[in-house]
Amino acid sequence: MSIRRLLGFALIFLAISMFIEQMWWVGGICFLIGIGMTAKSPIDRKWRKKKHIW
């Protein structure tokens, strides 16, 4: 498991605690960033391939 994925899970748990504390906008932002970090995006793979070519 990569550090990035671990950070993503940590952000999701932080978002859940923010929802409990009634801080909806902070929780929403943390949740979106967390999902973005845990999900393997195809954009990230394409960027890595381009990096190797250069």
Protein backbone atom coordinates (compact mmCIF):
# COMPACT_ATOMS: atom_id res chain seq x y z
CA MET A 1 0.00 0.00 0.00
CA SER A 2 1.42 3.35 -1.03
CA ILE A 3 1.76 6.40 1.20
CA ARG A 4 -0.59 8.31 -1.12
CA ARG A 5 -3.34 5.73 -0.69
CA LEU A 6 -2.85 5.69 3.09
CA LEU A 7 -3.15 9.49 3.13
CA GLY A 8 -6.34 9.21 1.13
CA PHE A 9 -7.88 6.85 3.68
CA ALA A 10 -6.79 9.18 6.50
CA LEU A 11 -8.51 12.11 4.73
CA ILE A 12 -11.72 10.10 4.34
CA PHE A 13 -11.75 9.34 8.08
CA LEU A 14 -11.05 13.02 8.80
CA ALA A 15 -13.99 13.94 6.55
CA ILE A 16 -16.30 11.60 8.48
CA SER A 17 -15.26 13.21 11.77
CA MET A 18 -15.86 16.66 10.23
CA PHE A 19 -19.40 15.61 9.23
CA ILE A 20 -20.00 14.52 12.85
CA GLU A 21 -18.74 17.93 14.03
CA GLN A 22 -21.24 19.62 11.62
CA MET A 23 -18.47 21.13 9.47
CA TRP A 24 -19.98 20.10 6.14
CA TRP A 25 -17.79 22.08 3.73
CA VAL A 26 -14.50 20.95 5.33
CA GLY A 27 -15.75 17.36 5.40
CA GLY A 28 -16.81 17.55 1.76
CA ILE A 29 -13.43 18.87 0.60
CA CYS A 30 -11.51 16.26 2.63
CA PHE A 31 -13.78 13.50 1.35
CA LEU A 32 -13.26 14.47 -2.31
CA ILE A 33 -9.47 14.74 -1.90
CA GLY A 34 -9.42 11.41 -0.05
CA ILE A 35 -11.36 9.63 -2.80
CA GLY A 36 -9.10 11.23 -5.42
CA MET A 37 -6.01 9.95 -3.61
CA THR A 38 -7.28 6.41 -3.04
CA ALA A 39 -8.66 5.91 -6.56
CA LYS A 40 -6.14 5.03 -9.26
CA SER A 41 -6.89 7.59 -11.94
CA PRO A 42 -6.08 6.96 -15.63
CA ILE A 43 -4.82 10.56 -15.90
CA ASP A 44 -2.08 9.76 -13.38
CA ARG A 45 -0.98 6.70 -15.39
CA LYS A 46 -0.78 8.70 -18.64
CA TRP A 47 1.30 11.39 -16.91
CA ARG A 48 3.71 8.75 -15.59
CA LYS A 49 4.14 7.24 -19.07
CA LYS A 50 4.90 10.66 -20.56
CA LYS A 51 7.42 11.29 -17.79
CA HIS A 52 9.31 8.10 -18.67
CA ILE A 53 9.50 9.07 -22.36
CA TRP A 54 11.20 12.37 -21.55
